[in-house]
Amino acid sequence: MSATDFKRLFLFSDNLRNDARVDEAVASYLEIAKLAYQEGESLTQARALHLAGVAAKQSVASKESSCFRDAFKYFREAEALYKRDNESIALGALYRDMAVTCD
């Protein structure tokens, strides 16, 4: 198991997102996803990708924007991990966020 303090990293990333520092938040979540590579950390990786998508959607101006495409790229990567790990509740939350992004 990794010695990485994911809880602290998520809190930092969440604060960036809540402060509308979208680009920094996305980069921070993606860094968490990179750090969560060890066995047993796939849910952490999926959550980080999911939240990178949530952060990216804050900049979506239209469905043609690169932020929209980025958000869905992260959402799809999270989806694959959630499905692989049978995380139905997290998958439901992801689908909610995907729908909100399209709205």
C-alpha atoms as a PDB file:
ATOM      1  CA  MET A   1       0.000   0.000   0.000  1.00  0.00           C
ATOM      2  CA  SER A   2       1.181   3.470  -0.869  1.00  0.00           C
ATOM      3  CA  ALA A   3       2.325   5.963   1.753  1.00  0.00           C
ATOM      4  CA  THR A   4       0.664   8.732  -0.256  1.00  0.00           C
ATOM      5  CA  ASP A   5      -1.787  10.835   1.762  1.00  0.00           C
ATOM      6  CA  PHE A   6      -4.653  10.718  -0.729  1.00  0.00           C
ATOM      7  CA  LYS A   7      -7.105  12.262   1.708  1.00  0.00           C
ATOM      8  CA  ARG A   8      -4.943  15.388   1.956  1.00  0.00           C
ATOM      9  CA  LEU A   9      -4.412  15.503  -1.810  1.00  0.00           C
ATOM     10  CA  PHE A  10      -8.138  15.212  -2.497  1.00  0.00           C
ATOM     11  CA  LEU A  11      -8.867  17.976   0.006  1.00  0.00           C
ATOM     12  CA  PHE A  12      -6.310  20.228  -1.698  1.00  0.00           C
ATOM     13  CA  SER A  13      -7.775  19.459  -5.144  1.00  0.00           C
ATOM     14  CA  ASP A  14     -11.334  19.961  -3.908  1.00  0.00           C
ATOM     15  CA  ASN A  15     -10.374  23.363  -2.534  1.00  0.00           C
ATOM     16  CA  LEU A  16      -8.922  24.362  -5.892  1.00  0.00           C
ATOM     17  CA  ARG A  17     -12.136  23.265  -7.625  1.00  0.00           C
ATOM     18  CA  ASN A  18     -14.310  25.074  -5.068  1.00  0.00           C
ATOM     19  CA  ASP A  19     -12.254  28.239  -5.614  1.00  0.00           C
ATOM     20  CA  ALA A  20     -12.940  27.976  -9.390  1.00  0.00           C
ATOM     21  CA  ARG A  21      -9.249  27.350 -10.108  1.00  0.00           C
ATOM     22  CA  VAL A  22     -10.352  24.799 -12.661  1.00  0.00           C
ATOM     23  CA  ASP A  23      -7.146  24.173 -14.594  1.00  0.00           C
ATOM     24  CA  GLU A  24      -5.181  23.716 -11.382  1.00  0.00           C
ATOM     25  CA  ALA A  25      -7.868  21.435  -9.947  1.00  0.00           C
ATOM     26  CA  VAL A  26      -7.912  19.234 -13.046  1.00  0.00           C
ATOM     27  CA  ALA A  27      -4.115  18.965 -13.003  1.00  0.00           C
ATOM     28  CA  SER A  28      -4.167  18.129  -9.298  1.00  0.00           C
ATOM     29  CA  TYR A  29      -6.780  15.395  -9.720  1.00  0.00           C
ATOM     30  CA  LEU A  30      -4.837  13.946 -12.645  1.00  0.00           C
ATOM     31  CA  GLU A  31      -1.706  13.880 -10.495  1.00  0.00           C
ATOM     32  CA  ILE A  32      -3.632  11.907  -7.856  1.00  0.00           C
ATOM     33  CA  ALA A  33      -4.721   9.461 -10.560  1.00  0.00           C
ATOM     34  CA  LYS A  34      -1.078   8.968 -11.566  1.00  0.00           C
ATOM     35  CA  LEU A  35      -0.037   8.380  -7.953  1.00  0.00           C
ATOM     36  CA  ALA A  36      -2.775   5.782  -7.395  1.00  0.00           C
ATOM     37  CA  TYR A  37      -1.182   2.990  -9.386  1.00  0.00           C
ATOM     38  CA  GLN A  38      -0.585   0.332  -6.753  1.00  0.00           C
ATOM     39  CA  GLU A  39      -2.783  -2.672  -6.152  1.00  0.00           C
ATOM     40  CA  GLY A  40      -5.851  -1.686  -4.178  1.00  0.00           C
ATOM     41  CA  GLU A  41      -5.764   1.939  -5.329  1.00  0.00           C
ATOM     42  CA  SER A  42      -7.934   1.661  -8.447  1.00  0.00           C
ATOM     43  CA  LEU A  43     -10.953   3.192  -6.693  1.00  0.00           C
ATOM     44  CA  THR A  44      -8.773   6.170  -5.705  1.00  0.00           C
ATOM     45  CA  GLN A  45      -7.621   6.445  -9.296  1.00  0.00           C
ATOM     46  CA  ALA A  46     -11.205   6.247 -10.590  1.00  0.00           C
ATOM     47  CA  ARG A  47     -12.386   8.866  -8.088  1.00  0.00           C
ATOM     48  CA  ALA A  48      -9.571  11.212  -9.112  1.00  0.00           C
ATOM     49  CA  LEU A  49     -10.448  10.845 -12.807  1.00  0.00           C
ATOM     50  CA  HIS A  50     -14.136  11.306 -12.024  1.00  0.00           C
ATOM     51  CA  LEU A  51     -13.417  14.503 -10.110  1.00  0.00           C
ATOM     52  CA  ALA A  52     -11.092  15.739 -12.872  1.00  0.00           C
ATOM     53  CA  GLY A  53     -14.123  15.459 -15.145  1.00  0.00           C
ATOM     54  CA  VAL A  54     -16.310  17.273 -12.619  1.00  0.00           C
ATOM     55  CA  ALA A  55     -13.728  20.073 -12.414  1.00  0.00           C
ATOM     56  CA  ALA A  56     -13.329  20.263 -16.196  1.00  0.00           C
ATOM     57  CA  LYS A  57     -17.081  20.578 -16.689  1.00  0.00           C
ATOM     58  CA  GLN A  58     -16.977  23.876 -14.771  1.00  0.00           C
ATOM     59  CA  SER A  59     -15.321  25.403 -17.854  1.00  0.00           C
ATOM     60  CA  VAL A  60     -17.665  23.887 -20.423  1.00  0.00           C
ATOM     61  CA  ALA A  61     -19.107  26.660 -22.567  1.00  0.00           C
ATOM     62  CA  SER A  62     -20.627  24.330 -25.167  1.00  0.00           C
ATOM     63  CA  LYS A  63     -20.651  20.687 -26.148  1.00  0.00           C
ATOM     64  CA  GLU A  64     -18.082  21.535 -28.831  1.00  0.00           C
ATOM     65  CA  SER A  65     -15.543  22.899 -26.348  1.00  0.00           C
ATOM     66  CA  SER A  66     -12.306  21.131 -25.521  1.00  0.00           C
ATOM     67  CA  CYS A  67     -13.283  21.227 -21.827  1.00  0.00           C
ATOM     68  CA  PHE A  68     -16.381  19.179 -22.682  1.00  0.00           C
ATOM     69  CA  ARG A  69     -14.241  16.624 -24.511  1.00  0.00           C
ATOM     70  CA  ASP A  70     -11.729  16.563 -21.650  1.00  0.00           C
ATOM     71  CA  ALA A  71     -14.468  16.070 -19.045  1.00  0.00           C
ATOM     72  CA  PHE A  72     -15.859  13.103 -20.963  1.00  0.00           C
ATOM     73  CA  LYS A  73     -12.413  11.619 -21.504  1.00  0.00           C
ATOM     74  CA  TYR A  74     -11.876  11.599 -17.728  1.00  0.00           C
ATOM     75  CA  PHE A  75     -15.410  10.354 -17.111  1.00  0.00           C
ATOM     76  CA  ARG A  76     -14.887   7.426 -19.517  1.00  0.00           C
ATOM     77  CA  GLU A  77     -11.610   6.460 -17.875  1.00  0.00           C
ATOM     78  CA  ALA A  78     -13.301   6.531 -14.448  1.00  0.00           C
ATOM     79  CA  GLU A  79     -16.226   4.547 -15.840  1.00  0.00           C
ATOM     80  CA  ALA A  80     -13.951   1.721 -16.982  1.00  0.00           C
ATOM     81  CA  LEU A  81     -12.361   1.471 -13.526  1.00  0.00           C
ATOM     82  CA  TYR A  82     -15.682   1.662 -11.674  1.00  0.00           C
ATOM     83  CA  LYS A  83     -17.131  -1.076 -13.916  1.00  0.00           C
ATOM     84  CA  ARG A  84     -14.062  -3.276 -13.519  1.00  0.00           C
ATOM     85  CA  ASP A  85     -14.271  -2.978  -9.741  1.00  0.00           C
ATOM     86  CA  ASN A  86     -18.066  -3.391  -9.625  1.00  0.00           C
ATOM     87  CA  GLU A  87     -18.555   0.015  -7.975  1.00  0.00           C
ATOM     88  CA  SER A  88     -22.235   0.513  -8.777  1.00  0.00           C
ATOM     89  CA  ILE A  89     -22.837   3.453  -6.414  1.00  0.00           C
ATOM     90  CA  ALA A  90     -19.819   5.355  -7.741  1.00  0.00           C
ATOM     91  CA  LEU A  91     -20.899   4.475 -11.285  1.00  0.00           C
ATOM     92  CA  GLY A  92     -24.348   5.947 -10.604  1.00  0.00           C
ATOM     93  CA  ALA A  93     -22.761   9.173  -9.337  1.00  0.00           C
ATOM     94  CA  LEU A  94     -20.563   9.267 -12.431  1.00  0.00           C
ATOM     95  CA  TYR A  95     -23.556   8.870 -14.746  1.00  0.00           C
ATOM     96  CA  ARG A  96     -25.327  11.686 -12.875  1.00  0.00           C
ATOM     97  CA  ASP A  97     -22.312  13.950 -13.432  1.00  0.00           C
ATOM     98  CA  MET A  98     -22.133  12.983 -17.084  1.00  0.00           C
ATOM     99  CA  ALA A  99     -25.814  13.864 -17.526  1.00  0.00           C
ATOM    100  CA  VAL A 100     -25.372  17.208 -15.761  1.00  0.00           C
ATOM    101  CA  THR A 101     -22.446  17.996 -18.043  1.00  0.00           C
ATOM    102  CA  CYS A 102     -24.647  17.382 -21.101  1.00  0.00           C
ATOM    103  CA  ASP A 103     -27.506  19.474 -19.754  1.00  0.00           C
END
